[in-house]
Amino acid sequence: MPRIRHTTLTCSPGCTVEATLELFGGKWKALILYHLFEDGVLRFGEFRRRMPNVTQRMLTNQLRELEADGLISRTVFPEVPPRVEYELTDLGKTLKPVIQALKKWGDRYAHALQGRAAGT
């Protein structure tokens, strides 16, 4: 089923938030972006090693969507076997503070959960 995309951002005060979340929402996109911020350039197999619970099909779909949205680029090298590398585009790099804020908040939340579990 194709995703519904915003064509304009004048729909409501929260419309830009919704549109932004569409770009990297879901279970794997933010994690893909996080790993690219950490490592710069990654091959498909490296993503699979870093995210062992994602299926090959889902990873392929998420990478394609991030590429279609202009957040990552895909480079295919004419070798046998073919080598494909993924990296952030200039637009994708602008999401770094957002992803870092999500990680920081997640670290705090995990710490708070541990504190509650220890106090129980």
C-alpha atoms as a PDB file:
ATOM      1  CA  MET A   1       0.000   0.000   0.000  1.00  0.00           C
ATOM      2  CA  PRO A   2       1.546   3.347  -0.991  1.00  0.00           C
ATOM      3  CA  ARG A   3       2.175   5.897   1.706  1.00  0.00           C
ATOM      4  CA  ILE A   4       0.092   9.041   1.803  1.00  0.00           C
ATOM      5  CA  ARG A   5       2.465  12.001   1.586  1.00  0.00           C
ATOM      6  CA  HIS A   6       1.929  15.644   2.296  1.00  0.00           C
ATOM      7  CA  THR A   7       2.025  17.701  -0.868  1.00  0.00           C
ATOM      8  CA  THR A   8       1.675  20.994   1.010  1.00  0.00           C
ATOM      9  CA  LEU A   9       2.460  21.890   4.592  1.00  0.00           C
ATOM     10  CA  THR A  10      -0.376  24.335   5.195  1.00  0.00           C
ATOM     11  CA  CYS A  11      -2.934  21.900   6.582  1.00  0.00           C
ATOM     12  CA  SER A  12      -2.720  22.586  10.352  1.00  0.00           C
ATOM     13  CA  PRO A  13      -0.322  23.880  13.021  1.00  0.00           C
ATOM     14  CA  GLY A  14       1.090  20.368  13.590  1.00  0.00           C
ATOM     15  CA  CYS A  15       1.281  19.495   9.917  1.00  0.00           C
ATOM     16  CA  THR A  16       5.033  20.000   9.633  1.00  0.00           C
ATOM     17  CA  VAL A  17       5.601  17.732  12.651  1.00  0.00           C
ATOM     18  CA  GLU A  18       3.485  15.040  11.039  1.00  0.00           C
ATOM     19  CA  ALA A  19       5.298  15.438   7.716  1.00  0.00           C
ATOM     20  CA  THR A  20       8.681  15.218   9.436  1.00  0.00           C
ATOM     21  CA  LEU A  21       7.704  12.098  11.362  1.00  0.00           C
ATOM     22  CA  GLU A  22       6.588  10.487   8.103  1.00  0.00           C
ATOM     23  CA  LEU A  23      10.145  10.835   6.785  1.00  0.00           C
ATOM     24  CA  PHE A  24      11.822   8.754   9.496  1.00  0.00           C
ATOM     25  CA  GLY A  25       8.930   7.315  11.483  1.00  0.00           C
ATOM     26  CA  GLY A  26       8.497   3.617  11.939  1.00  0.00           C
ATOM     27  CA  LYS A  27      10.670   1.040  13.574  1.00  0.00           C
ATOM     28  CA  TRP A  28      13.801   1.054  11.398  1.00  0.00           C
ATOM     29  CA  LYS A  29      14.318   4.386   9.604  1.00  0.00           C
ATOM     30  CA  ALA A  30      15.553   6.339  12.621  1.00  0.00           C
ATOM     31  CA  LEU A  31      17.899   3.468  13.460  1.00  0.00           C
ATOM     32  CA  ILE A  32      19.246   3.415   9.886  1.00  0.00           C
ATOM     33  CA  LEU A  33      19.887   7.149  10.119  1.00  0.00           C
ATOM     34  CA  TYR A  34      21.504   6.745  13.548  1.00  0.00           C
ATOM     35  CA  HIS A  35      23.955   4.140  12.224  1.00  0.00           C
ATOM     36  CA  LEU A  36      24.811   6.326   9.238  1.00  0.00           C
ATOM     37  CA  PHE A  37      25.533   9.244  11.579  1.00  0.00           C
ATOM     38  CA  GLU A  38      27.827   6.979  13.588  1.00  0.00           C
ATOM     39  CA  ASP A  39      29.637   5.290  10.688  1.00  0.00           C
ATOM     40  CA  GLY A  40      29.258   7.585   7.674  1.00  0.00           C
ATOM     41  CA  VAL A  41      28.932   4.953   4.943  1.00  0.00           C
ATOM     42  CA  LEU A  42      27.448   1.472   5.328  1.00  0.00           C
ATOM     43  CA  ARG A  43      26.800  -1.486   3.103  1.00  0.00           C
ATOM     44  CA  PHE A  44      23.613  -3.538   3.243  1.00  0.00           C
ATOM     45  CA  GLY A  45      25.250  -6.418   5.115  1.00  0.00           C
ATOM     46  CA  GLU A  46      26.604  -4.019   7.742  1.00  0.00           C
ATOM     47  CA  PHE A  47      23.074  -2.774   8.399  1.00  0.00           C
ATOM     48  CA  ARG A  48      21.941  -6.372   8.800  1.00  0.00           C
ATOM     49  CA  ARG A  49      24.692  -7.036  11.367  1.00  0.00           C
ATOM     50  CA  ARG A  50      23.821  -3.896  13.335  1.00  0.00           C
ATOM     51  CA  MET A  51      20.077  -4.578  13.173  1.00  0.00           C
ATOM     52  CA  PRO A  52      19.705  -8.369  13.329  1.00  0.00           C
ATOM     53  CA  ASN A  53      15.929  -8.268  13.910  1.00  0.00           C
ATOM     54  CA  VAL A  54      15.069  -6.493  10.667  1.00  0.00           C
ATOM     55  CA  THR A  55      14.161  -8.680   7.718  1.00  0.00           C
ATOM     56  CA  GLN A  56      15.978  -8.268   4.426  1.00  0.00           C
ATOM     57  CA  ARG A  57      12.761  -7.187   2.729  1.00  0.00           C
ATOM     58  CA  MET A  58      11.926  -4.578   5.383  1.00  0.00           C
ATOM     59  CA  LEU A  59      15.462  -3.176   5.368  1.00  0.00           C
ATOM     60  CA  THR A  60      15.383  -2.902   1.581  1.00  0.00           C
ATOM     61  CA  ASN A  61      12.020  -1.105   1.702  1.00  0.00           C
ATOM     62  CA  GLN A  62      13.152   1.311   4.413  1.00  0.00           C
ATOM     63  CA  LEU A  63      16.384   2.122   2.567  1.00  0.00           C
ATOM     64  CA  ARG A  64      14.450   2.719  -0.662  1.00  0.00           C
ATOM     65  CA  GLU A  65      12.004   5.058   1.091  1.00  0.00           C
ATOM     66  CA  LEU A  66      14.808   7.030   2.745  1.00  0.00           C
ATOM     67  CA  GLU A  67      16.486   7.313  -0.653  1.00  0.00           C
ATOM     68  CA  ALA A  68      13.251   8.380  -2.369  1.00  0.00           C
ATOM     69  CA  ASP A  69      12.786  11.051   0.316  1.00  0.00           C
ATOM     70  CA  GLY A  70      16.287  12.383  -0.367  1.00  0.00           C
ATOM     71  CA  LEU A  71      17.715  11.552   3.068  1.00  0.00           C
ATOM     72  CA  ILE A  72      20.249   8.927   1.962  1.00  0.00           C
ATOM     73  CA  SER A  73      22.072   8.158  -1.257  1.00  0.00           C
ATOM     74  CA  ARG A  74      22.833   4.760  -2.725  1.00  0.00           C
ATOM     75  CA  THR A  75      25.996   4.165  -4.712  1.00  0.00           C
ATOM     76  CA  VAL A  76      26.402   0.994  -6.787  1.00  0.00           C
ATOM     77  CA  PHE A  77      29.958   0.084  -7.730  1.00  0.00           C
ATOM     78  CA  PRO A  78      30.422  -1.846 -11.009  1.00  0.00           C
ATOM     79  CA  GLU A  79      32.174  -4.842  -9.471  1.00  0.00           C
ATOM     80  CA  VAL A  80      31.527  -8.549  -9.296  1.00  0.00           C
ATOM     81  CA  PRO A  81      29.841  -9.116  -6.947  1.00  0.00           C
ATOM     82  CA  PRO A  82      28.206  -5.686  -6.960  1.00  0.00           C
ATOM     83  CA  ARG A  83      29.008  -3.441  -4.011  1.00  0.00           C
ATOM     84  CA  VAL A  84      26.365  -0.990  -2.795  1.00  0.00           C
ATOM     85  CA  GLU A  85      26.994   1.712  -0.213  1.00  0.00           C
ATOM     86  CA  TYR A  86      24.568   3.989   1.572  1.00  0.00           C
ATOM     87  CA  GLU A  87      25.346   7.392   3.045  1.00  0.00           C
ATOM     88  CA  LEU A  88      23.510  10.468   4.236  1.00  0.00           C
ATOM     89  CA  THR A  89      22.735  13.261   1.813  1.00  0.00           C
ATOM     90  CA  ASP A  90      23.222  16.880   2.827  1.00  0.00           C
ATOM     91  CA  LEU A  91      19.490  16.989   3.627  1.00  0.00           C
ATOM     92  CA  GLY A  92      19.755  13.789   5.672  1.00  0.00           C
ATOM     93  CA  LYS A  93      22.648  15.230   7.660  1.00  0.00           C
ATOM     94  CA  THR A  94      20.382  18.025   8.861  1.00  0.00           C
ATOM     95  CA  LEU A  95      18.448  15.427  10.894  1.00  0.00           C
ATOM     96  CA  LYS A  96      21.447  14.725  13.128  1.00  0.00           C
ATOM     97  CA  PRO A  97      20.302  16.958  16.015  1.00  0.00           C
ATOM     98  CA  VAL A  98      16.848  15.371  15.856  1.00  0.00           C
ATOM     99  CA  ILE A  99      18.223  11.819  15.999  1.00  0.00           C
ATOM    100  CA  GLN A 100      20.676  12.818  18.752  1.00  0.00           C
ATOM    101  CA  ALA A 101      17.805  14.313  20.764  1.00  0.00           C
ATOM    102  CA  LEU A 102      15.804  11.097  20.355  1.00  0.00           C
ATOM    103  CA  LYS A 103      18.764   9.036  21.556  1.00  0.00           C
ATOM    104  CA  LYS A 104      19.382  11.327  24.530  1.00  0.00           C
ATOM    105  CA  TRP A 105      15.729  11.176  25.535  1.00  0.00           C
ATOM    106  CA  GLY A 106      15.701   7.391  25.081  1.00  0.00           C
ATOM    107  CA  ASP A 107      18.781   7.033  27.295  1.00  0.00           C
ATOM    108  CA  ARG A 108      17.097   9.091  30.022  1.00  0.00           C
ATOM    109  CA  TYR A 109      13.892   7.106  29.692  1.00  0.00           C
ATOM    110  CA  ALA A 110      15.742   3.784  29.920  1.00  0.00           C
ATOM    111  CA  HIS A 111      17.569   5.046  33.023  1.00  0.00           C
ATOM    112  CA  ALA A 112      14.262   6.137  34.598  1.00  0.00           C
ATOM    113  CA  LEU A 113      12.739   2.718  33.890  1.00  0.00           C
ATOM    114  CA  GLN A 114      15.718   1.011  35.523  1.00  0.00           C
ATOM    115  CA  GLY A 115      15.321   3.279  38.542  1.00  0.00           C
ATOM    116  CA  ARG A 116      11.646   2.407  38.874  1.00  0.00           C
ATOM    117  CA  ALA A 117      12.358  -1.308  38.504  1.00  0.00           C
ATOM    118  CA  ALA A 118      15.077  -1.119  41.174  1.00  0.00           C
ATOM    119  CA  GLY A 119      12.723   0.737  43.520  1.00  0.00           C
ATOM    120  CA  THR A 120       9.935  -1.784  43.126  1.00  0.00           C
END
